Amino acid sequence: MLLDAVGLLRAKGFQADATNQFDEVLTAYDTTGLDVVVFGGMVPANAKQHLREAISAGNDHVTFVQGLAGIAGLIAAQVESVTSAAPDDNADGVAYDTKQRAVRLTLREPARVVVEAWWATSFTPPEPASTSLRLVDSHFGPGEHVVPLPADVPTVASFVTASVGAAVHAFTVGAMPAAVRRMAPTGAPGEPPALPPVKPVATHTER
């Protein structure tokens, strides 16, 4: 999943890397040049806090993002959401209506709109599985638009992204199950591992 996320981001023109070696982040990477840091849900809480403080101390422009789920396309969309240089000129509002299970858009001008749903299909550690469904990829005119989610999109571990032109928005449809959230390690001394060992991943981009 980490490698897939890096591949997607690089294909979109980002200089992107990923690692699950949390103790080596500060020594293996030049954190002073980072624009965005995405934390996965399985990063121990104490490691996350330490990295936030250490990276921020030498980098005042970095943006920290909490990843919504271990879904490569969703991670890429979250990065796009915080790095879009273009203002959201075409949209007065982009929101997810939880009661109606629909994305609501208000456009001032015509724009290309892409709406995609993402959800987990397996929580078997250590590698999650997921799928996605593109609901809309079309040019919309000015005015109010509603894109309903089909019944195929489950009510747990599900998400939706909506892009209007260059602006990307990510929303949670159904939260991760409590059993999965409890797997997240706190990093407390003596805490038993909640997940089986994983293969080390650490990519490096030539800059």
C-alpha atoms as a PDB file:
ATOM      1  CA  MET A   1       0.000   0.000   0.000  1.00  0.00           C
ATOM      2  CA  LEU A   2       2.821   2.433   0.867  1.00  0.00           C
ATOM      3  CA  LEU A   3       4.583   1.736  -2.418  1.00  0.00           C
ATOM      4  CA  ASP A   4       1.329   2.133  -4.345  1.00  0.00           C
ATOM      5  CA  ALA A   5       0.709   5.500  -2.684  1.00  0.00           C
ATOM      6  CA  VAL A   6       4.206   6.688  -3.573  1.00  0.00           C
ATOM      7  CA  GLY A   7       3.730   5.540  -7.156  1.00  0.00           C
ATOM      8  CA  LEU A   8       0.432   7.398  -7.500  1.00  0.00           C
ATOM      9  CA  LEU A   9       1.854  10.613  -6.063  1.00  0.00           C
ATOM     10  CA  ARG A  10       4.961  10.497  -8.233  1.00  0.00           C
ATOM     11  CA  ALA A  11       2.768   9.896 -11.295  1.00  0.00           C
ATOM     12  CA  LYS A  12       0.924  13.096 -10.369  1.00  0.00           C
ATOM     13  CA  GLY A  13       4.207  15.048 -10.286  1.00  0.00           C
ATOM     14  CA  PHE A  14       4.965  14.991  -6.558  1.00  0.00           C
ATOM     15  CA  GLN A  15       8.320  14.167  -5.018  1.00  0.00           C
ATOM     16  CA  ALA A  16       7.029  11.519  -2.643  1.00  0.00           C
ATOM     17  CA  ASP A  17       8.490   8.935  -0.303  1.00  0.00           C
ATOM     18  CA  ALA A  18       7.109   6.586   2.314  1.00  0.00           C
ATOM     19  CA  THR A  19       8.513   4.605   5.217  1.00  0.00           C
ATOM     20  CA  ASN A  20       7.311   2.389   8.008  1.00  0.00           C
ATOM     21  CA  GLN A  21      10.602   2.811   9.852  1.00  0.00           C
ATOM     22  CA  PHE A  22       9.426   5.573  12.161  1.00  0.00           C
ATOM     23  CA  ASP A  23      12.616   5.691  14.246  1.00  0.00           C
ATOM     24  CA  GLU A  24      14.687   6.516  11.148  1.00  0.00           C
ATOM     25  CA  VAL A  25      12.619   9.371   9.695  1.00  0.00           C
ATOM     26  CA  LEU A  26      14.721  12.162  11.189  1.00  0.00           C
ATOM     27  CA  THR A  27      18.030  10.647  10.087  1.00  0.00           C
ATOM     28  CA  ALA A  28      17.077   9.113   6.740  1.00  0.00           C
ATOM     29  CA  TYR A  29      15.223  12.117   5.298  1.00  0.00           C
ATOM     30  CA  ASP A  30      15.808  15.856   4.981  1.00  0.00           C
ATOM     31  CA  THR A  31      12.767  16.982   6.912  1.00  0.00           C
ATOM     32  CA  THR A  32      13.572  20.677   6.423  1.00  0.00           C
ATOM     33  CA  GLY A  33      12.351  20.464   2.827  1.00  0.00           C
ATOM     34  CA  LEU A  34       9.106  18.608   3.444  1.00  0.00           C
ATOM     35  CA  ASP A  35       5.822  20.251   2.506  1.00  0.00           C
ATOM     36  CA  VAL A  36       3.424  17.529   3.675  1.00  0.00           C
ATOM     37  CA  VAL A  37       3.743  14.660   6.148  1.00  0.00           C
ATOM     38  CA  VAL A  38       0.960  12.070   6.213  1.00  0.00           C
ATOM     39  CA  PHE A  39       0.672   9.860   9.283  1.00  0.00           C
ATOM     40  CA  GLY A  40      -0.896   6.452   8.909  1.00  0.00           C
ATOM     41  CA  GLY A  41      -3.275   5.161  11.521  1.00  0.00           C
ATOM     42  CA  MET A  42      -0.748   2.630  12.809  1.00  0.00           C
ATOM     43  CA  VAL A  43       1.935   5.177  13.646  1.00  0.00           C
ATOM     44  CA  PRO A  44       2.281   4.998  17.450  1.00  0.00           C
ATOM     45  CA  ALA A  45       0.891   8.063  19.196  1.00  0.00           C
ATOM     46  CA  ASN A  46       4.164   8.906  20.925  1.00  0.00           C
ATOM     47  CA  ALA A  47       6.136   8.561  17.673  1.00  0.00           C
ATOM     48  CA  LYS A  48       3.656  10.830  15.903  1.00  0.00           C
ATOM     49  CA  GLN A  49       3.974  13.513  18.573  1.00  0.00           C
ATOM     50  CA  HIS A  50       7.773  13.298  18.579  1.00  0.00           C
ATOM     51  CA  LEU A  51       7.963  13.593  14.788  1.00  0.00           C
ATOM     52  CA  ARG A  52       5.551  16.545  14.725  1.00  0.00           C
ATOM     53  CA  GLU A  53       7.653  18.443  17.236  1.00  0.00           C
ATOM     54  CA  ALA A  54      11.019  17.536  15.731  1.00  0.00           C
ATOM     55  CA  ILE A  55      10.051  18.293  12.133  1.00  0.00           C
ATOM     56  CA  SER A  56       8.268  21.533  13.027  1.00  0.00           C
ATOM     57  CA  ALA A  57      11.325  22.770  14.926  1.00  0.00           C
ATOM     58  CA  GLY A  58      13.282  23.024  11.677  1.00  0.00           C
ATOM     59  CA  ASN A  59      10.462  23.475   9.178  1.00  0.00           C
ATOM     60  CA  ASP A  60       7.814  26.155   9.664  1.00  0.00           C
ATOM     61  CA  HIS A  61       5.901  25.473   6.451  1.00  0.00           C
ATOM     62  CA  VAL A  62       5.194  21.744   6.771  1.00  0.00           C
ATOM     63  CA  THR A  63       1.591  20.549   6.874  1.00  0.00           C
ATOM     64  CA  PHE A  64       0.734  17.432   8.884  1.00  0.00           C
ATOM     65  CA  VAL A  65      -2.139  15.253   7.681  1.00  0.00           C
ATOM     66  CA  GLN A  66      -3.769  12.339   9.455  1.00  0.00           C
ATOM     67  CA  GLY A  67      -4.381   9.643   6.879  1.00  0.00           C
ATOM     68  CA  LEU A  68      -7.985   8.504   6.783  1.00  0.00           C
ATOM     69  CA  ALA A  69      -7.197   4.900   5.860  1.00  0.00           C
ATOM     70  CA  GLY A  70      -4.554   2.648   4.361  1.00  0.00           C
ATOM     71  CA  ILE A  71      -5.869   3.144   0.829  1.00  0.00           C
ATOM     72  CA  ALA A  72      -3.279   4.375  -1.654  1.00  0.00           C
ATOM     73  CA  GLY A  73      -5.635   6.447  -3.824  1.00  0.00           C
ATOM     74  CA  LEU A  74      -7.215   8.055  -0.792  1.00  0.00           C
ATOM     75  CA  ILE A  75      -3.821   9.014   0.624  1.00  0.00           C
ATOM     76  CA  ALA A  76      -2.882  10.597  -2.715  1.00  0.00           C
ATOM     77  CA  ALA A  77      -6.166  12.525  -2.734  1.00  0.00           C
ATOM     78  CA  GLN A  78      -5.509  13.835   0.781  1.00  0.00           C
ATOM     79  CA  VAL A  79      -2.106  15.098  -0.327  1.00  0.00           C
ATOM     80  CA  GLU A  80      -3.677  16.765  -3.347  1.00  0.00           C
ATOM     81  CA  SER A  81      -6.248  18.341  -1.064  1.00  0.00           C
ATOM     82  CA  VAL A  82      -3.644  20.245   0.960  1.00  0.00           C
ATOM     83  CA  THR A  83      -1.250  21.050  -1.884  1.00  0.00           C
ATOM     84  CA  SER A  84      -3.527  22.424  -4.575  1.00  0.00           C
ATOM     85  CA  ALA A  85      -2.030  25.767  -5.600  1.00  0.00           C
ATOM     86  CA  ALA A  86      -5.186  26.842  -7.400  1.00  0.00           C
ATOM     87  CA  PRO A  87      -7.927  28.435  -5.305  1.00  0.00           C
ATOM     88  CA  ASP A  88     -11.314  26.747  -5.369  1.00  0.00           C
ATOM     89  CA  ASP A  89     -12.726  29.456  -7.646  1.00  0.00           C
ATOM     90  CA  ASN A  90     -15.407  27.298  -9.203  1.00  0.00           C
ATOM     91  CA  ALA A  91     -17.122  26.118  -6.052  1.00  0.00           C
ATOM     92  CA  ASP A  92     -19.074  27.961  -3.404  1.00  0.00           C
ATOM     93  CA  GLY A  93     -19.438  24.738  -1.468  1.00  0.00           C
ATOM     94  CA  VAL A  94     -18.397  21.095  -1.552  1.00  0.00           C
ATOM     95  CA  ALA A  95     -19.710  18.969   1.306  1.00  0.00           C
ATOM     96  CA  TYR A  96     -20.741  15.464   2.226  1.00  0.00           C
ATOM     97  CA  ASP A  97     -24.321  15.100   3.447  1.00  0.00           C
ATOM     98  CA  THR A  98     -24.234  12.293   6.009  1.00  0.00           C
ATOM     99  CA  LYS A  99     -28.015  11.921   6.250  1.00  0.00           C
ATOM    100  CA  GLN A 100     -28.554  11.685   2.493  1.00  0.00           C
ATOM    101  CA  ARG A 101     -25.238   9.878   1.811  1.00  0.00           C
ATOM    102  CA  ALA A 102     -24.495  12.283  -0.997  1.00  0.00           C
ATOM    103  CA  VAL A 103     -21.907  14.819  -2.102  1.00  0.00           C
ATOM    104  CA  ARG A 104     -23.410  18.286  -2.530  1.00  0.00           C
ATOM    105  CA  LEU A 105     -21.746  20.867  -4.766  1.00  0.00           C
ATOM    106  CA  THR A 106     -22.511  24.483  -5.497  1.00  0.00           C
ATOM    107  CA  LEU A 107     -20.680  25.739  -8.588  1.00  0.00           C
ATOM    108  CA  ARG A 108     -20.360  29.344  -9.661  1.00  0.00           C
ATOM    109  CA  GLU A 109     -18.800  28.398 -12.993  1.00  0.00           C
ATOM    110  CA  PRO A 110     -18.623  25.274 -15.183  1.00  0.00           C
ATOM    111  CA  ALA A 111     -16.023  22.829 -13.938  1.00  0.00           C
ATOM    112  CA  ARG A 112     -14.862  19.248 -14.317  1.00  0.00           C
ATOM    113  CA  VAL A 113     -16.080  17.262 -11.324  1.00  0.00           C
ATOM    114  CA  VAL A 114     -14.712  13.868 -10.279  1.00  0.00           C
ATOM    115  CA  VAL A 115     -16.321  12.006  -7.379  1.00  0.00           C
ATOM    116  CA  GLU A 116     -14.868   8.713  -6.206  1.00  0.00           C
ATOM    117  CA  ALA A 117     -15.755   6.384  -3.329  1.00  0.00           C
ATOM    118  CA  TRP A 118     -13.152   4.303  -1.476  1.00  0.00           C
ATOM    119  CA  TRP A 119     -13.604   1.565   1.087  1.00  0.00           C
ATOM    120  CA  ALA A 120     -11.762  -1.205   2.866  1.00  0.00           C
ATOM    121  CA  THR A 121     -12.545  -4.777   1.877  1.00  0.00           C
ATOM    122  CA  SER A 122     -10.278  -6.555   4.349  1.00  0.00           C
ATOM    123  CA  PHE A 123      -8.742  -5.625   7.685  1.00  0.00           C
ATOM    124  CA  THR A 124      -6.416  -8.616   7.879  1.00  0.00           C
ATOM    125  CA  PRO A 125      -3.074  -7.307   9.126  1.00  0.00           C
ATOM    126  CA  PRO A 126      -0.553  -6.269   8.188  1.00  0.00           C
ATOM    127  CA  GLU A 127      -1.657  -5.326   4.658  1.00  0.00           C
ATOM    128  CA  PRO A 128      -5.186  -3.917   4.250  1.00  0.00           C
ATOM    129  CA  ALA A 129      -7.190  -4.439   1.087  1.00  0.00           C
ATOM    130  CA  SER A 130      -9.550  -1.948  -0.515  1.00  0.00           C
ATOM    131  CA  THR A 131     -11.477  -1.018  -3.610  1.00  0.00           C
ATOM    132  CA  SER A 132     -12.884   2.113  -5.193  1.00  0.00           C
ATOM    133  CA  LEU A 133     -15.678   3.239  -7.474  1.00  0.00           C
ATOM    134  CA  ARG A 134     -15.693   6.330  -9.655  1.00  0.00           C
ATOM    135  CA  LEU A 135     -19.164   7.826  -9.403  1.00  0.00           C
ATOM    136  CA  VAL A 136     -18.777  10.914 -11.571  1.00  0.00           C
ATOM    137  CA  ASP A 137     -16.247  12.234 -14.069  1.00  0.00           C
ATOM    138  CA  SER A 138     -17.980  14.946 -16.020  1.00  0.00           C
ATOM    139  CA  HIS A 139     -18.250  18.668 -16.643  1.00  0.00           C
ATOM    140  CA  PHE A 140     -20.954  20.262 -14.505  1.00  0.00           C
ATOM    141  CA  GLY A 141     -22.572  23.613 -15.147  1.00  0.00           C
ATOM    142  CA  PRO A 142     -23.139  26.354 -12.590  1.00  0.00           C
ATOM    143  CA  GLY A 143     -25.656  25.665  -9.852  1.00  0.00           C
ATOM    144  CA  GLU A 144     -26.515  23.007  -7.286  1.00  0.00           C
ATOM    145  CA  HIS A 145     -25.555  19.386  -7.854  1.00  0.00           C
ATOM    146  CA  VAL A 146     -26.061  16.235  -5.785  1.00  0.00           C
ATOM    147  CA  VAL A 147     -24.091  13.020  -6.269  1.00  0.00           C
ATOM    148  CA  PRO A 148     -25.607  10.170  -4.209  1.00  0.00           C
ATOM    149  CA  LEU A 149     -23.525   7.237  -3.042  1.00  0.00           C
ATOM    150  CA  PRO A 150     -24.777   3.838  -4.235  1.00  0.00           C
ATOM    151  CA  ALA A 151     -25.646   1.087  -1.790  1.00  0.00           C
ATOM    152  CA  ASP A 152     -22.417  -0.696  -2.770  1.00  0.00           C
ATOM    153  CA  VAL A 153     -20.498   1.780  -0.620  1.00  0.00           C
ATOM    154  CA  PRO A 154     -20.561   0.312   2.911  1.00  0.00           C
ATOM    155  CA  THR A 155     -21.335   2.212   6.096  1.00  0.00           C
ATOM    156  CA  VAL A 156     -17.965   1.420   7.717  1.00  0.00           C
ATOM    157  CA  ALA A 157     -14.391   2.108   6.613  1.00  0.00           C
ATOM    158  CA  SER A 158     -15.604   4.105   3.643  1.00  0.00           C
ATOM    159  CA  PHE A 159     -14.690   7.483   2.208  1.00  0.00           C
ATOM    160  CA  VAL A 160     -15.455   9.769  -0.705  1.00  0.00           C
ATOM    161  CA  THR A 161     -13.341  12.314  -2.571  1.00  0.00           C
ATOM    162  CA  ALA A 162     -14.625  15.110  -4.769  1.00  0.00           C
ATOM    163  CA  SER A 163     -12.492  17.252  -7.037  1.00  0.00           C
ATOM    164  CA  VAL A 164     -13.721  20.449  -8.623  1.00  0.00           C
ATOM    165  CA  GLY A 165     -11.114  21.544 -11.102  1.00  0.00           C
ATOM    166  CA  ALA A 166      -7.815  21.441  -9.209  1.00  0.00           C
ATOM    167  CA  ALA A 167      -9.358  21.474  -5.734  1.00  0.00           C
ATOM    168  CA  VAL A 168      -9.751  18.113  -3.995  1.00  0.00           C
ATOM    169  CA  HIS A 169     -11.923  17.343  -0.962  1.00  0.00           C
ATOM    170  CA  ALA A 170     -11.915  14.153   1.118  1.00  0.00           C
ATOM    171  CA  PHE A 171     -14.684  13.040   3.467  1.00  0.00           C
ATOM    172  CA  THR A 172     -15.338  10.106   5.771  1.00  0.00           C
ATOM    173  CA  VAL A 173     -18.528   8.205   4.942  1.00  0.00           C
ATOM    174  CA  GLY A 174     -18.209   5.453   7.551  1.00  0.00           C
ATOM    175  CA  ALA A 175     -15.593   5.397  10.305  1.00  0.00           C
ATOM    176  CA  MET A 176     -13.097   2.590  10.733  1.00  0.00           C
ATOM    177  CA  PRO A 177     -14.415  -0.206  12.977  1.00  0.00           C
ATOM    178  CA  ALA A 178     -13.530   0.099  16.658  1.00  0.00           C
ATOM    179  CA  ALA A 179     -11.683  -3.225  16.499  1.00  0.00           C
ATOM    180  CA  VAL A 180      -9.353  -1.811  13.855  1.00  0.00           C
ATOM    181  CA  ARG A 181      -8.808   1.438  15.754  1.00  0.00           C
ATOM    182  CA  ARG A 182      -7.806  -0.557  18.820  1.00  0.00           C
ATOM    183  CA  MET A 183      -4.964  -2.116  16.817  1.00  0.00           C
ATOM    184  CA  ALA A 184      -3.188   1.243  16.660  1.00  0.00           C
ATOM    185  CA  PRO A 185      -0.194   1.080  19.019  1.00  0.00           C
ATOM    186  CA  THR A 186       0.311   3.822  21.584  1.00  0.00           C
ATOM    187  CA  GLY A 187       4.032   3.219  21.835  1.00  0.00           C
ATOM    188  CA  ALA A 188       3.804   2.799  25.596  1.00  0.00           C
ATOM    189  CA  PRO A 189       6.708   0.884  27.188  1.00  0.00           C
ATOM    190  CA  GLY A 190       5.997  -2.818  27.374  1.00  0.00           C
ATOM    191  CA  GLU A 191       3.008  -2.616  25.064  1.00  0.00           C
ATOM    192  CA  PRO A 192       2.655  -5.922  23.184  1.00  0.00           C
ATOM    193  CA  PRO A 193       2.649  -5.653  19.381  1.00  0.00           C
ATOM    194  CA  ALA A 194      -0.878  -5.477  17.987  1.00  0.00           C
ATOM    195  CA  LEU A 195       0.216  -6.339  14.452  1.00  0.00           C
ATOM    196  CA  PRO A 196       2.480  -9.021  12.985  1.00  0.00           C
ATOM    197  CA  PRO A 197       5.946  -7.969  11.770  1.00  0.00           C
ATOM    198  CA  VAL A 198       5.983  -6.155   8.448  1.00  0.00           C
ATOM    199  CA  LYS A 199       8.570  -5.912   5.716  1.00  0.00           C
ATOM    200  CA  PRO A 200      10.607  -2.710   6.080  1.00  0.00           C
ATOM    201  CA  VAL A 201       9.680  -0.029   3.545  1.00  0.00           C
ATOM    202  CA  ALA A 202      11.710   3.125   2.971  1.00  0.00           C
ATOM    203  CA  THR A 203      11.753   4.837  -0.425  1.00  0.00           C
ATOM    204  CA  HIS A 204      14.070   7.667  -1.364  1.00  0.00           C
ATOM    205  CA  THR A 205      13.649  10.219  -4.136  1.00  0.00           C
ATOM    206  CA  GLU A 206      16.583  11.860  -5.887  1.00  0.00           C
ATOM    207  CA  ARG A 207      16.140  15.588  -5.325  1.00  0.00           C
END
